[in-house]
PDB file of N, CA and C in Angstrom:
ATOM      1  N   UNK A   1       6.072  17.134   3.675  1.00  0.00           N
ATOM      2  CA  UNK A   1       6.764  15.883   3.546  1.00  0.00           C
ATOM      3  C   UNK A   1       7.829  16.019   2.460  1.00  0.00           C
ATOM      4  N   UNK A   2       8.977  15.482   2.734  1.00  0.00           N
ATOM      5  CA  UNK A   2      10.092  15.580   1.794  1.00  0.00           C
ATOM      6  C   UNK A   2       9.951  14.559   0.676  1.00  0.00           C
ATOM      7  N   UNK A   3      10.595  14.862  -0.445  1.00  0.00           N
ATOM      8  CA  UNK A   3      10.537  13.970  -1.600  1.00  0.00           C
ATOM      9  C   UNK A   3      11.157  12.620  -1.281  1.00  0.00           C
ATOM     10  N   UNK A   4      12.212  12.603  -0.491  1.00  0.00           N
ATOM     11  CA  UNK A   4      12.852  11.332  -0.142  1.00  0.00           C
ATOM     12  C   UNK A   4      11.908  10.437   0.653  1.00  0.00           C
ATOM     13  N   UNK A   5      11.082  11.030   1.507  1.00  0.00           N
ATOM     14  CA  UNK A   5      10.098  10.262   2.264  1.00  0.00           C
ATOM     15  C   UNK A   5       9.005   9.735   1.337  1.00  0.00           C
ATOM     16  N   UNK A   6       8.637  10.528   0.339  1.00  0.00           N
ATOM     17  CA  UNK A   6       7.599  10.120  -0.600  1.00  0.00           C
ATOM     18  C   UNK A   6       8.084   9.002  -1.511  1.00  0.00           C
ATOM     19  N   UNK A   7       9.361   9.024  -1.876  1.00  0.00           N
ATOM     20  CA  UNK A   7       9.898   7.994  -2.758  1.00  0.00           C
ATOM     21  C   UNK A   7       9.891   6.615  -2.094  1.00  0.00           C
ATOM     22  N   UNK A   8       9.912   6.587  -0.783  1.00  0.00           N
ATOM     23  CA  UNK A   8       9.911   5.321  -0.056  1.00  0.00           C
ATOM     24  C   UNK A   8       8.519   4.691  -0.020  1.00  0.00           C
ATOM     25  N   UNK A   9       7.490   5.454  -0.352  1.00  0.00           N
ATOM     26  CA  UNK A   9       6.120   4.950  -0.297  1.00  0.00           C
ATOM     27  C   UNK A   9       5.759   4.209  -1.587  1.00  0.00           C
ATOM     28  N   UNK A  10       4.758   3.366  -1.482  1.00  0.00           N
ATOM     29  CA  UNK A  10       4.282   2.623  -2.644  1.00  0.00           C
ATOM     30  C   UNK A  10       3.388   3.538  -3.496  1.00  0.00           C
ATOM     31  N   UNK A  11       3.190   3.188  -4.782  1.00  0.00           N
ATOM     32  CA  UNK A  11       2.308   3.997  -5.629  1.00  0.00           C
ATOM     33  C   UNK A  11       0.887   4.124  -5.074  1.00  0.00           C
ATOM     34  N   UNK A  12       0.378   3.077  -4.446  1.00  0.00           N
ATOM     35  CA  UNK A  12      -0.970   3.144  -3.874  1.00  0.00           C
ATOM     36  C   UNK A  12      -1.018   4.154  -2.723  1.00  0.00           C
ATOM     37  N   UNK A  13       0.024   4.174  -1.902  1.00  0.00           N
ATOM     38  CA  UNK A  13       0.090   5.143  -0.808  1.00  0.00           C
ATOM     39  C   UNK A  13       0.196   6.563  -1.347  1.00  0.00           C
ATOM     40  N   UNK A  14       0.971   6.720  -2.424  1.00  0.00           N
ATOM     41  CA  UNK A  14       1.125   8.049  -3.016  1.00  0.00           C
ATOM     42  C   UNK A  14      -0.187   8.542  -3.612  1.00  0.00           C
ATOM     43  N   UNK A  15      -0.949   7.642  -4.218  1.00  0.00           N
ATOM     44  CA  UNK A  15      -2.238   8.049  -4.781  1.00  0.00           C
ATOM     45  C   UNK A  15      -3.201   8.469  -3.683  1.00  0.00           C
ATOM     46  N   UNK A  16      -3.172   7.768  -2.563  1.00  0.00           N
ATOM     47  CA  UNK A  16      -4.017   8.148  -1.427  1.00  0.00           C
ATOM     48  C   UNK A  16      -3.594   9.507  -0.866  1.00  0.00           C
ATOM     49  N   UNK A  17      -2.290   9.724  -0.794  1.00  0.00           N
ATOM     50  CA  UNK A  17      -1.773  11.004  -0.309  1.00  0.00           C
ATOM     51  C   UNK A  17      -2.128  12.138  -1.277  1.00  0.00           C
ATOM     52  N   UNK A  18      -2.083  11.840  -2.580  1.00  0.00           N
ATOM     53  CA  UNK A  18      -2.453  12.832  -3.592  1.00  0.00           C
ATOM     54  C   UNK A  18      -3.915  13.232  -3.421  1.00  0.00           C
ATOM     55  N   UNK A  19      -4.781  12.266  -3.212  1.00  0.00           N
ATOM     56  CA  UNK A  19      -6.197  12.556  -3.002  1.00  0.00           C
ATOM     57  C   UNK A  19      -6.398  13.422  -1.765  1.00  0.00           C
ATOM     58  N   UNK A  20      -5.678  13.109  -0.704  1.00  0.00           N
ATOM     59  CA  UNK A  20      -5.765  13.893   0.528  1.00  0.00           C
ATOM     60  C   UNK A  20      -5.318  15.341   0.309  1.00  0.00           C
ATOM     61  N   UNK A  21      -4.209  15.514  -0.406  1.00  0.00           N
ATOM     62  CA  UNK A  21      -3.691  16.868  -0.658  1.00  0.00           C
ATOM     63  C   UNK A  21      -4.621  17.660  -1.566  1.00  0.00           C
ATOM     64  N   UNK A  22      -5.250  16.982  -2.534  1.00  0.00           N
ATOM     65  CA  UNK A  22      -6.195  17.677  -3.407  1.00  0.00           C
ATOM     66  C   UNK A  22      -7.423  18.136  -2.629  1.00  0.00           C
ATOM     67  N   UNK A  23      -7.875  17.312  -1.684  1.00  0.00           N
ATOM     68  CA  UNK A  23      -8.997  17.713  -0.831  1.00  0.00           C
ATOM     69  C   UNK A  23      -8.602  18.916   0.025  1.00  0.00           C
ATOM     70  N   UNK A  24      -7.385  18.886   0.538  1.00  0.00           N
ATOM     71  CA  UNK A  24      -6.887  20.012   1.342  1.00  0.00           C
ATOM     72  C   UNK A  24      -6.844  21.286   0.506  1.00  0.00           C
ATOM     73  N   UNK A  25      -6.351  21.165  -0.722  1.00  0.00           N
ATOM     74  CA  UNK A  25      -6.281  22.328  -1.613  1.00  0.00           C
ATOM     75  C   UNK A  25      -7.687  22.858  -1.909  1.00  0.00           C
ATOM     76  N   UNK A  26      -8.635  21.972  -2.148  1.00  0.00           N
ATOM     77  CA  UNK A  26     -10.012  22.376  -2.407  1.00  0.00           C
ATOM     78  C   UNK A  26     -10.593  23.115  -1.213  1.00  0.00           C
ATOM     79  N   UNK A  27     -10.378  22.566  -0.016  1.00  0.00           N
ATOM     80  CA  UNK A  27     -10.897  23.210   1.193  1.00  0.00           C
ATOM     81  C   UNK A  27     -10.289  24.591   1.396  1.00  0.00           C
ATOM     82  N   UNK A  28      -9.006  24.737   1.108  1.00  0.00           N
ATOM     83  CA  UNK A  28      -8.358  26.044   1.251  1.00  0.00           C
ATOM     84  C   UNK A  28      -8.940  27.039   0.243  1.00  0.00           C
ATOM     85  N   UNK A  29      -9.217  26.572  -0.976  1.00  0.00           N
ATOM     86  CA  UNK A  29      -9.821  27.452  -1.982  1.00  0.00           C
ATOM     87  C   UNK A  29     -11.213  27.888  -1.555  1.00  0.00           C
ATOM     88  N   UNK A  30     -11.977  26.969  -0.990  1.00  0.00           N
ATOM     89  CA  UNK A  30     -13.331  27.299  -0.538  1.00  0.00           C
ATOM     90  C   UNK A  30     -13.293  28.286   0.630  1.00  0.00           C
ATOM     91  N   UNK A  31     -12.338  28.108   1.526  1.00  0.00           N
ATOM     92  CA  UNK A  31     -12.207  29.038   2.646  1.00  0.00           C
ATOM     93  C   UNK A  31     -11.873  30.436   2.144  1.00  0.00           C
ATOM     94  N   UNK A  32     -10.964  30.506   1.160  1.00  0.00           N
ATOM     95  CA  UNK A  32     -10.590  31.808   0.616  1.00  0.00           C
ATOM     96  C   UNK A  32     -11.783  32.450  -0.082  1.00  0.00           C
ATOM     97  N   UNK A  33     -12.567  31.639  -0.804  1.00  0.00           N
ATOM     98  CA  UNK A  33     -13.739  32.153  -1.503  1.00  0.00           C
ATOM     99  C   UNK A  33     -14.824  32.629  -0.556  1.00  0.00           C
ATOM    100  N   UNK A  34     -14.895  32.018   0.612  1.00  0.00           N
ATOM    101  CA  UNK A  34     -15.904  32.396   1.605  1.00  0.00           C
ATOM    102  C   UNK A  34     -15.472  33.615   2.410  1.00  0.00           C
ATOM    103  N   UNK A  35     -14.256  34.080   2.184  1.00  0.00           N
ATOM    104  CA  UNK A  35     -13.788  35.267   2.875  1.00  0.00           C
ATOM    105  C   UNK A  35     -13.067  34.981   4.178  1.00  0.00           C
ATOM    106  N   UNK A  36     -12.823  33.725   4.464  1.00  0.00           N
ATOM    107  CA  UNK A  36     -12.078  33.395   5.669  1.00  0.00           C
ATOM    108  C   UNK A  36     -10.597  33.643   5.423  1.00  0.00           C
ATOM    109  N   UNK A  37      -9.871  33.855   6.484  1.00  0.00           N
ATOM    110  CA  UNK A  37      -8.449  34.141   6.375  1.00  0.00           C
ATOM    111  C   UNK A  37      -7.698  32.832   6.122  1.00  0.00           C
ATOM    112  N   UNK A  38      -7.002  32.781   5.003  1.00  0.00           N
ATOM    113  CA  UNK A  38      -6.190  31.615   4.662  1.00  0.00           C
ATOM    114  C   UNK A  38      -4.776  32.117   4.403  1.00  0.00           C
ATOM    115  N   UNK A  39      -3.813  31.466   5.035  1.00  0.00           N
ATOM    116  CA  UNK A  39      -2.425  31.871   4.815  1.00  0.00           C
ATOM    117  C   UNK A  39      -1.981  31.406   3.434  1.00  0.00           C
ATOM    118  N   UNK A  40      -1.418  32.303   2.640  1.00  0.00           N
ATOM    119  CA  UNK A  40      -0.955  31.925   1.305  1.00  0.00           C
ATOM    120  C   UNK A  40       0.087  30.817   1.327  1.00  0.00           C
ATOM    121  N   UNK A  41       0.835  30.717   2.412  1.00  0.00           N
ATOM    122  CA  UNK A  41       1.855  29.673   2.495  1.00  0.00           C
ATOM    123  C   UNK A  41       1.228  28.281   2.542  1.00  0.00           C
ATOM    124  N   UNK A  42       0.030  28.165   3.126  1.00  0.00           N
ATOM    125  CA  UNK A  42      -0.650  26.871   3.158  1.00  0.00           C
ATOM    126  C   UNK A  42      -1.078  26.445   1.758  1.00  0.00           C
ATOM    127  N   UNK A  43      -1.596  27.396   0.984  1.00  0.00           N
ATOM    128  CA  UNK A  43      -2.029  27.111  -0.385  1.00  0.00           C
ATOM    129  C   UNK A  43      -0.821  26.716  -1.224  1.00  0.00           C
ATOM    130  N   UNK A  44       0.249  27.451  -1.085  1.00  0.00           N
ATOM    131  CA  UNK A  44       1.475  27.184  -1.841  1.00  0.00           C
ATOM    132  C   UNK A  44       2.055  25.825  -1.481  1.00  0.00           C
ATOM    133  N   UNK A  45       2.046  25.490  -0.205  1.00  0.00           N
ATOM    134  CA  UNK A  45       2.585  24.202   0.250  1.00  0.00           C
ATOM    135  C   UNK A  45       1.756  23.046  -0.304  1.00  0.00           C
ATOM    136  N   UNK A  46       0.442  23.188  -0.316  1.00  0.00           N
ATOM    137  CA  UNK A  46      -0.424  22.134  -0.852  1.00  0.00           C
ATOM    138  C   UNK A  46      -0.152  21.945  -2.344  1.00  0.00           C
ATOM    139  N   UNK A  47      -0.015  23.046  -3.062  1.00  0.00           N
ATOM    140  CA  UNK A  47       0.263  22.967  -4.507  1.00  0.00           C
ATOM    141  C   UNK A  47       1.589  22.282  -4.778  1.00  0.00           C
ATOM    142  N   UNK A  48       2.599  22.630  -4.010  1.00  0.00           N
ATOM    143  CA  UNK A  48       3.923  22.047  -4.206  1.00  0.00           C
ATOM    144  C   UNK A  48       3.941  20.569  -3.840  1.00  0.00           C
ATOM    145  N   UNK A  49       3.204  20.192  -2.790  1.00  0.00           N
ATOM    146  CA  UNK A  49       3.124  18.781  -2.418  1.00  0.00           C
ATOM    147  C   UNK A  49       2.449  17.966  -3.517  1.00  0.00           C
ATOM    148  N   UNK A  50       1.395  18.518  -4.105  1.00  0.00           N
ATOM    149  CA  UNK A  50       0.705  17.835  -5.196  1.00  0.00           C
ATOM    150  C   UNK A  50       1.655  17.634  -6.372  1.00  0.00           C
ATOM    151  N   UNK A  51       2.393  18.670  -6.722  1.00  0.00           N
ATOM    152  CA  UNK A  51       3.345  18.566  -7.827  1.00  0.00           C
ATOM    153  C   UNK A  51       4.436  17.550  -7.521  1.00  0.00           C
ATOM    154  N   UNK A  52       4.905  17.530  -6.280  1.00  0.00           N
ATOM    155  CA  UNK A  52       5.945  16.591  -5.873  1.00  0.00           C
ATOM    156  C   UNK A  52       5.455  15.153  -5.993  1.00  0.00           C
ATOM    157  N   UNK A  53       4.235  14.912  -5.539  1.00  0.00           N
ATOM    158  CA  UNK A  53       3.666  13.568  -5.594  1.00  0.00           C
ATOM    159  C   UNK A  53       3.486  13.125  -7.039  1.00  0.00           C
ATOM    160  N   UNK A  54       2.968  14.020  -7.878  1.00  0.00           N
ATOM    161  CA  UNK A  54       2.763  13.678  -9.287  1.00  0.00           C
ATOM    162  C   UNK A  54       4.084  13.370  -9.982  1.00  0.00           C
ATOM    163  N   UNK A  55       5.113  14.110  -9.653  1.00  0.00           N
ATOM    164  CA  UNK A  55       6.431  13.879 -10.245  1.00  0.00           C
ATOM    165  C   UNK A  55       6.960  12.507  -9.849  1.00  0.00           C
ATOM    166  N   UNK A  56       6.858  12.171  -8.585  1.00  0.00           N
ATOM    167  CA  UNK A  56       7.362  10.886  -8.104  1.00  0.00           C
ATOM    168  C   UNK A  56       6.557   9.730  -8.695  1.00  0.00           C
ATOM    169  N   UNK A  57       5.234   9.904  -8.814  1.00  0.00           N
ATOM    170  CA  UNK A  57       4.412   8.862  -9.436  1.00  0.00           C
ATOM    171  C   UNK A  57       4.822   8.649 -10.892  1.00  0.00           C
ATOM    172  N   UNK A  58       5.096   9.729 -11.588  1.00  0.00           N
ATOM    173  CA  UNK A  58       5.532   9.627 -12.975  1.00  0.00           C
ATOM    174  C   UNK A  58       6.880   8.926 -13.090  1.00  0.00           C
ATOM    175  N   UNK A  59       7.777   9.220 -12.177  1.00  0.00           N
ATOM    176  CA  UNK A  59       9.083   8.578 -12.190  1.00  0.00           C
ATOM    177  C   UNK A  59       8.968   7.084 -11.910  1.00  0.00           C
ATOM    178  N   UNK A  60       8.079   6.729 -10.973  1.00  0.00           N
ATOM    179  CA  UNK A  60       7.901   5.311 -10.652  1.00  0.00           C
ATOM    180  C   UNK A  60       7.263   4.578 -11.835  1.00  0.00           C
ATOM    181  N   UNK A  61       6.369   5.264 -12.537  1.00  0.00           N
ATOM    182  CA  UNK A  61       5.683   4.649 -13.665  1.00  0.00           C
ATOM    183  C   UNK A  61       6.652   4.334 -14.799  1.00  0.00           C
ATOM    184  N   UNK A  62       7.584   5.241 -15.058  1.00  0.00           N
ATOM    185  CA  UNK A  62       8.547   5.049 -16.146  1.00  0.00           C
ATOM    186  C   UNK A  62       9.782   4.268 -15.696  1.00  0.00           C
ATOM    187  N   UNK A  63       9.863   3.971 -14.438  1.00  0.00           N
ATOM    188  CA  UNK A  63      10.983   3.200 -13.931  1.00  0.00           C
ATOM    189  C   UNK A  63      12.196   4.025 -13.539  1.00  0.00           C
ATOM    190  N   UNK A  64      12.071   5.345 -13.552  1.00  0.00           N
ATOM    191  CA  UNK A  64      13.185   6.203 -13.128  1.00  0.00           C
ATOM    192  C   UNK A  64      13.224   6.366 -11.627  1.00  0.00           C
ATOM    193  N   UNK A  65      14.375   6.781 -11.144  1.00  0.00           N
ATOM    194  CA  UNK A  65      14.608   7.071  -9.715  1.00  0.00           C
ATOM    195  C   UNK A  65      14.077   5.959  -8.868  1.00  0.00           C
TER     196      UNK A  65
END
């Protein structure tokens, strides 16, 4: 999801999306730990989405952007 799409969402929606992405990241870590094949691009994408959401939440909190 692009940052512009995330900026259009409400803080409550972003928090729900953050929780979903964190669960996804956890599941990917568990799969990797269990020896299942996990594409590194999926892990990287989840991490970047989490960072993007946190950045936008911080901007909304301080009144920026």
